Amino acid sequence: MTETITINKIYEELKLIERNMVTKDEMERMLETIEIMSNENTMEQIRQSEKDIKAGRVKEVNSMDDI
């Protein structure tokens, strides 16, 4: 026996596919993350910044003049 395909079944299937899709924005964020994590110099700067924060070597910046 042949299954009947309805617009509702197609719609539900498309909704299921859509829920599992990666959006363009998500893909761009992932690629940016990969790019950052692939750059050893950038990662070392991040590690050093984390150490500075833990050690209290921070300064509050409220304006361009503070920089």
PDB file of N, CA and C in Angstrom:
ATOM      1  N   MET A   1       0.833  -1.168   0.000  1.00  0.00           N
ATOM      2  CA  MET A   1       0.000   0.000   0.000  1.00  0.00           C
ATOM      3  C   MET A   1       0.890   1.247   0.000  1.00  0.00           C
ATOM      4  N   THR A   2       0.525   2.222  -0.758  1.00  0.00           N
ATOM      5  CA  THR A   2       1.288   3.453  -0.905  1.00  0.00           C
ATOM      6  C   THR A   2       0.912   4.456   0.173  1.00  0.00           C
ATOM      7  N   GLU A   3       1.948   5.095   0.762  1.00  0.00           N
ATOM      8  CA  GLU A   3       1.705   6.109   1.794  1.00  0.00           C
ATOM      9  C   GLU A   3       1.283   7.417   1.129  1.00  0.00           C
ATOM     10  N   THR A   4       0.307   8.054   1.701  1.00  0.00           N
ATOM     11  CA  THR A   4      -0.158   9.336   1.190  1.00  0.00           C
ATOM     12  C   THR A   4       0.696  10.446   1.774  1.00  0.00           C
ATOM     13  N   ILE A   5       1.189  11.299   0.912  1.00  0.00           N
ATOM     14  CA  ILE A   5       1.992  12.430   1.351  1.00  0.00           C
ATOM     15  C   ILE A   5       1.104  13.669   1.325  1.00  0.00           C
ATOM     16  N   THR A   6       1.043  14.327   2.458  1.00  0.00           N
ATOM     17  CA  THR A   6       0.219  15.529   2.553  1.00  0.00           C
ATOM     18  C   THR A   6       1.105  16.746   2.789  1.00  0.00           C
ATOM     19  N   ILE A   7       0.528  17.904   2.587  1.00  0.00           N
ATOM     20  CA  ILE A   7       1.245  19.152   2.848  1.00  0.00           C
ATOM     21  C   ILE A   7       1.656  19.220   4.316  1.00  0.00           C
ATOM     22  N   ASN A   8       0.806  18.750   5.202  1.00  0.00           N
ATOM     23  CA  ASN A   8       1.114  18.755   6.630  1.00  0.00           C
ATOM     24  C   ASN A   8       2.317  17.871   6.950  1.00  0.00           C
ATOM     25  N   LYS A   9       2.398  16.710   6.317  1.00  0.00           N
ATOM     26  CA  LYS A   9       3.546  15.823   6.544  1.00  0.00           C
ATOM     27  C   LYS A   9       4.833  16.480   6.039  1.00  0.00           C
ATOM     28  N   ILE A  10       4.753  17.112   4.886  1.00  0.00           N
ATOM     29  CA  ILE A  10       5.924  17.803   4.338  1.00  0.00           C
ATOM     30  C   ILE A  10       6.337  18.939   5.261  1.00  0.00           C
ATOM     31  N   TYR A  11       5.350  19.704   5.726  1.00  0.00           N
ATOM     32  CA  TYR A  11       5.616  20.812   6.629  1.00  0.00           C
ATOM     33  C   TYR A  11       6.288  20.326   7.910  1.00  0.00           C
ATOM     34  N   GLU A  12       5.778  19.268   8.512  1.00  0.00           N
ATOM     35  CA  GLU A  12       6.356  18.721   9.740  1.00  0.00           C
ATOM     36  C   GLU A  12       7.777  18.219   9.503  1.00  0.00           C
ATOM     37  N   GLU A  13       8.009  17.599   8.382  1.00  0.00           N
ATOM     38  CA  GLU A  13       9.352  17.110   8.056  1.00  0.00           C
ATOM     39  C   GLU A  13      10.328  18.285   7.876  1.00  0.00           C
ATOM     40  N   LEU A  14       9.871  19.331   7.210  1.00  0.00           N
ATOM     41  CA  LEU A  14      10.716  20.509   7.034  1.00  0.00           C
ATOM     42  C   LEU A  14      11.019  21.183   8.367  1.00  0.00           C
ATOM     43  N   LYS A  15      10.053  21.236   9.262  1.00  0.00           N
ATOM     44  CA  LYS A  15      10.269  21.800  10.589  1.00  0.00           C
ATOM     45  C   LYS A  15      11.306  20.983  11.357  1.00  0.00           C
ATOM     46  N   LEU A  16      11.254  19.674  11.248  1.00  0.00           N
ATOM     47  CA  LEU A  16      12.226  18.802  11.899  1.00  0.00           C
ATOM     48  C   LEU A  16      13.631  19.069  11.344  1.00  0.00           C
ATOM     49  N   ILE A  17      13.735  19.182  10.050  1.00  0.00           N
ATOM     50  CA  ILE A  17      15.030  19.487   9.421  1.00  0.00           C
ATOM     51  C   ILE A  17      15.536  20.844   9.889  1.00  0.00           C
ATOM     52  N   GLU A  18      14.643  21.835   9.924  1.00  0.00           N
ATOM     53  CA  GLU A  18      15.020  23.182  10.331  1.00  0.00           C
ATOM     54  C   GLU A  18      15.562  23.220  11.757  1.00  0.00           C
ATOM     55  N   ARG A  19      14.957  22.461  12.664  1.00  0.00           N
ATOM     56  CA  ARG A  19      15.413  22.435  14.056  1.00  0.00           C
ATOM     57  C   ARG A  19      16.831  21.899  14.176  1.00  0.00           C
ATOM     58  N   ASN A  20      17.253  21.081  13.234  1.00  0.00           N
ATOM     59  CA  ASN A  20      18.576  20.470  13.294  1.00  0.00           C
ATOM     60  C   ASN A  20      19.623  21.205  12.457  1.00  0.00           C
ATOM     61  N   MET A  21      19.207  22.262  11.779  1.00  0.00           N
ATOM     62  CA  MET A  21      20.118  22.998  10.912  1.00  0.00           C
ATOM     63  C   MET A  21      20.961  23.987  11.709  1.00  0.00           C
ATOM     64  N   VAL A  22      22.145  24.261  11.192  1.00  0.00           N
ATOM     65  CA  VAL A  22      23.012  25.286  11.745  1.00  0.00           C
ATOM     66  C   VAL A  22      22.754  26.556  10.939  1.00  0.00           C
ATOM     67  N   THR A  23      22.532  27.671  11.630  1.00  0.00           N
ATOM     68  CA  THR A  23      22.282  28.917  10.921  1.00  0.00           C
ATOM     69  C   THR A  23      23.588  29.521  10.419  1.00  0.00           C
ATOM     70  N   LYS A  24      23.462  30.473   9.521  1.00  0.00           N
ATOM     71  CA  LYS A  24      24.637  31.155   8.984  1.00  0.00           C
ATOM     72  C   LYS A  24      25.393  31.858  10.112  1.00  0.00           C
ATOM     73  N   ASP A  25      24.675  32.513  11.016  1.00  0.00           N
ATOM     74  CA  ASP A  25      25.319  33.185  12.146  1.00  0.00           C
ATOM     75  C   ASP A  25      26.067  32.203  13.037  1.00  0.00           C
ATOM     76  N   GLU A  26      25.456  31.059  13.312  1.00  0.00           N
ATOM     77  CA  GLU A  26      26.124  30.041  14.134  1.00  0.00           C
ATOM     78  C   GLU A  26      27.393  29.542  13.445  1.00  0.00           C
ATOM     79  N   MET A  27      27.316  29.340  12.143  1.00  0.00           N
ATOM     80  CA  MET A  27      28.473  28.860  11.386  1.00  0.00           C
ATOM     81  C   MET A  27      29.595  29.901  11.410  1.00  0.00           C
ATOM     82  N   GLU A  28      29.234  31.182  11.243  1.00  0.00           N
ATOM     83  CA  GLU A  28      30.244  32.236  11.285  1.00  0.00           C
ATOM     84  C   GLU A  28      30.905  32.307  12.657  1.00  0.00           C
ATOM     85  N   ARG A  29      30.113  32.174  13.734  1.00  0.00           N
ATOM     86  CA  ARG A  29      30.686  32.191  15.090  1.00  0.00           C
ATOM     87  C   ARG A  29      31.617  31.009  15.304  1.00  0.00           C
ATOM     88  N   MET A  30      31.232  29.840  14.813  1.00  0.00           N
ATOM     89  CA  MET A  30      32.100  28.665  14.962  1.00  0.00           C
ATOM     90  C   MET A  30      33.413  28.867  14.222  1.00  0.00           C
ATOM     91  N   LEU A  31      33.344  29.403  12.997  1.00  0.00           N
ATOM     92  CA  LEU A  31      34.560  29.625  12.216  1.00  0.00           C
ATOM     93  C   LEU A  31      35.458  30.660  12.876  1.00  0.00           C
ATOM     94  N   GLU A  32      34.871  31.718  13.448  1.00  0.00           N
ATOM     95  CA  GLU A  32      35.669  32.711  14.167  1.00  0.00           C
ATOM     96  C   GLU A  32      36.351  32.085  15.379  1.00  0.00           C
ATOM     97  N   THR A  33      35.622  31.239  16.091  1.00  0.00           N
ATOM     98  CA  THR A  33      36.196  30.560  17.258  1.00  0.00           C
ATOM     99  C   THR A  33      37.353  29.668  16.844  1.00  0.00           C
ATOM    100  N   ILE A  34      37.170  28.925  15.786  1.00  0.00           N
ATOM    101  CA  ILE A  34      38.236  28.042  15.289  1.00  0.00           C
ATOM    102  C   ILE A  34      39.455  28.862  14.878  1.00  0.00           C
ATOM    103  N   GLU A  35      39.208  29.996  14.220  1.00  0.00           N
ATOM    104  CA  GLU A  35      40.315  30.849  13.794  1.00  0.00           C
ATOM    105  C   GLU A  35      41.099  31.369  15.003  1.00  0.00           C
ATOM    106  N   ILE A  36      40.385  31.831  16.014  1.00  0.00           N
ATOM    107  CA  ILE A  36      41.045  32.326  17.231  1.00  0.00           C
ATOM    108  C   ILE A  36      41.813  31.213  17.914  1.00  0.00           C
ATOM    109  N   MET A  37      41.171  30.063  18.080  1.00  0.00           N
ATOM    110  CA  MET A  37      41.807  28.956  18.795  1.00  0.00           C
ATOM    111  C   MET A  37      42.977  28.355  18.017  1.00  0.00           C
ATOM    112  N   SER A  38      43.035  28.593  16.718  1.00  0.00           N
ATOM    113  CA  SER A  38      44.132  28.081  15.891  1.00  0.00           C
ATOM    114  C   SER A  38      45.349  29.003  15.919  1.00  0.00           C
ATOM    115  N   ASN A  39      45.167  30.206  16.460  1.00  0.00           N
ATOM    116  CA  ASN A  39      46.258  31.177  16.492  1.00  0.00           C
ATOM    117  C   ASN A  39      46.931  31.109  17.861  1.00  0.00           C
ATOM    118  N   GLU A  40      48.117  30.538  17.907  1.00  0.00           N
ATOM    119  CA  GLU A  40      48.811  30.326  19.181  1.00  0.00           C
ATOM    120  C   GLU A  40      49.118  31.639  19.888  1.00  0.00           C
ATOM    121  N   ASN A  41      49.470  32.685  19.133  1.00  0.00           N
ATOM    122  CA  ASN A  41      49.769  33.982  19.736  1.00  0.00           C
ATOM    123  C   ASN A  41      48.523  34.547  20.434  1.00  0.00           C
ATOM    124  N   THR A  42      47.402  34.488  19.772  1.00  0.00           N
ATOM    125  CA  THR A  42      46.152  34.980  20.365  1.00  0.00           C
ATOM    126  C   THR A  42      45.790  34.181  21.605  1.00  0.00           C
ATOM    127  N   MET A  43      45.927  32.864  21.534  1.00  0.00           N
ATOM    128  CA  MET A  43      45.604  32.025  22.687  1.00  0.00           C
ATOM    129  C   MET A  43      46.534  32.327  23.862  1.00  0.00           C
ATOM    130  N   GLU A  44      47.806  32.599  23.599  1.00  0.00           N
ATOM    131  CA  GLU A  44      48.734  32.946  24.672  1.00  0.00           C
ATOM    132  C   GLU A  44      48.340  34.279  25.308  1.00  0.00           C
ATOM    133  N   GLN A  45      47.911  35.222  24.498  1.00  0.00           N
ATOM    134  CA  GLN A  45      47.450  36.507  25.032  1.00  0.00           C
ATOM    135  C   GLN A  45      46.220  36.314  25.922  1.00  0.00           C
ATOM    136  N   ILE A  46      45.323  35.446  25.511  1.00  0.00           N
ATOM    137  CA  ILE A  46      44.133  35.157  26.320  1.00  0.00           C
ATOM    138  C   ILE A  46      44.539  34.513  27.638  1.00  0.00           C
ATOM    139  N   ARG A  47      45.458  33.540  27.586  1.00  0.00           N
ATOM    140  CA  ARG A  47      45.923  32.887  28.814  1.00  0.00           C
ATOM    141  C   ARG A  47      46.562  33.904  29.756  1.00  0.00           C
ATOM    142  N   GLN A  48      47.379  34.805  29.202  1.00  0.00           N
ATOM    143  CA  GLN A  48      48.039  35.819  30.029  1.00  0.00           C
ATOM    144  C   GLN A  48      47.005  36.774  30.629  1.00  0.00           C
ATOM    145  N   SER A  49      46.012  37.130  29.853  1.00  0.00           N
ATOM    146  CA  SER A  49      44.956  38.015  30.363  1.00  0.00           C
ATOM    147  C   SER A  49      44.213  37.366  31.519  1.00  0.00           C
ATOM    148  N   GLU A  50      43.943  36.072  31.405  1.00  0.00           N
ATOM    149  CA  GLU A  50      43.261  35.354  32.489  1.00  0.00           C
ATOM    150  C   GLU A  50      44.116  35.360  33.763  1.00  0.00           C
ATOM    151  N   LYS A  51      45.447  35.198  33.604  1.00  0.00           N
ATOM    152  CA  LYS A  51      46.345  35.248  34.758  1.00  0.00           C
ATOM    153  C   LYS A  51      46.333  36.643  35.380  1.00  0.00           C
ATOM    154  N   ASP A  52      46.356  37.666  34.532  1.00  0.00           N
ATOM    155  CA  ASP A  52      46.329  39.048  35.030  1.00  0.00           C
ATOM    156  C   ASP A  52      45.048  39.323  35.810  1.00  0.00           C
ATOM    157  N   ILE A  53      43.932  38.863  35.316  1.00  0.00           N
ATOM    158  CA  ILE A  53      42.652  39.070  36.004  1.00  0.00           C
ATOM    159  C   ILE A  53      42.668  38.384  37.363  1.00  0.00           C
ATOM    160  N   LYS A  54      43.129  37.135  37.397  1.00  0.00           N
ATOM    161  CA  LYS A  54      43.184  36.404  38.669  1.00  0.00           C
ATOM    162  C   LYS A  54      44.118  37.082  39.667  1.00  0.00           C
ATOM    163  N   ALA A  55      45.186  37.703  39.163  1.00  0.00           N
ATOM    164  CA  ALA A  55      46.155  38.357  40.035  1.00  0.00           C
ATOM    165  C   ALA A  55      45.721  39.786  40.396  1.00  0.00           C
ATOM    166  N   GLY A  56      44.606  40.231  39.845  1.00  0.00           N
ATOM    167  CA  GLY A  56      44.111  41.566  40.158  1.00  0.00           C
ATOM    168  C   GLY A  56      44.770  42.677  39.368  1.00  0.00           C
ATOM    169  N   ARG A  57      45.510  42.320  38.333  1.00  0.00           N
ATOM    170  CA  ARG A  57      46.152  43.333  37.493  1.00  0.00           C
ATOM    171  C   ARG A  57      45.166  43.801  36.425  1.00  0.00           C
ATOM    172  N   VAL A  58      44.183  44.577  36.877  1.00  0.00           N
ATOM    173  CA  VAL A  58      43.140  45.067  35.971  1.00  0.00           C
ATOM    174  C   VAL A  58      42.932  46.554  36.206  1.00  0.00           C
ATOM    175  N   LYS A  59      42.365  47.220  35.228  1.00  0.00           N
ATOM    176  CA  LYS A  59      42.045  48.635  35.337  1.00  0.00           C
ATOM    177  C   LYS A  59      40.684  48.843  34.701  1.00  0.00           C
ATOM    178  N   GLU A  60      39.816  49.578  35.388  1.00  0.00           N
ATOM    179  CA  GLU A  60      38.500  49.864  34.846  1.00  0.00           C
ATOM    180  C   GLU A  60      38.619  50.924  33.761  1.00  0.00           C
ATOM    181  N   VAL A  61      38.001  50.670  32.636  1.00  0.00           N
ATOM    182  CA  VAL A  61      38.020  51.595  31.513  1.00  0.00           C
ATOM    183  C   VAL A  61      36.599  52.052  31.257  1.00  0.00           C
ATOM    184  N   ASN A  62      36.388  53.362  31.387  1.00  0.00           N
ATOM    185  CA  ASN A  62      35.055  53.927  31.182  1.00  0.00           C
ATOM    186  C   ASN A  62      34.981  54.829  29.958  1.00  0.00           C
ATOM    187  N   SER A  63      36.132  55.189  29.416  1.00  0.00           N
ATOM    188  CA  SER A  63      36.147  56.075  28.257  1.00  0.00           C
ATOM    189  C   SER A  63      37.437  55.857  27.490  1.00  0.00           C
ATOM    190  N   MET A  64      37.512  56.478  26.323  1.00  0.00           N
ATOM    191  CA  MET A  64      38.716  56.384  25.510  1.00  0.00           C
ATOM    192  C   MET A  64      39.894  57.040  26.223  1.00  0.00           C
ATOM    193  N   ASP A  65      39.622  58.055  27.036  1.00  0.00           N
ATOM    194  CA  ASP A  65      40.699  58.716  27.779  1.00  0.00           C
ATOM    195  C   ASP A  65      41.360  57.768  28.774  1.00  0.00           C
ATOM    196  N   ASP A  66      40.606  56.800  29.295  1.00  0.00           N
ATOM    197  CA  ASP A  66      41.154  55.829  30.247  1.00  0.00           C
ATOM    198  C   ASP A  66      42.133  54.865  29.597  1.00  0.00           C
ATOM    199  N   ILE A  67      42.037  54.736  28.304  1.00  0.00           N
ATOM    200  CA  ILE A  67      42.910  53.814  27.585  1.00  0.00           C
ATOM    201  C   ILE A  67      44.242  54.467  27.396  1.00  0.00           C
TER     202      ILE A  67
END
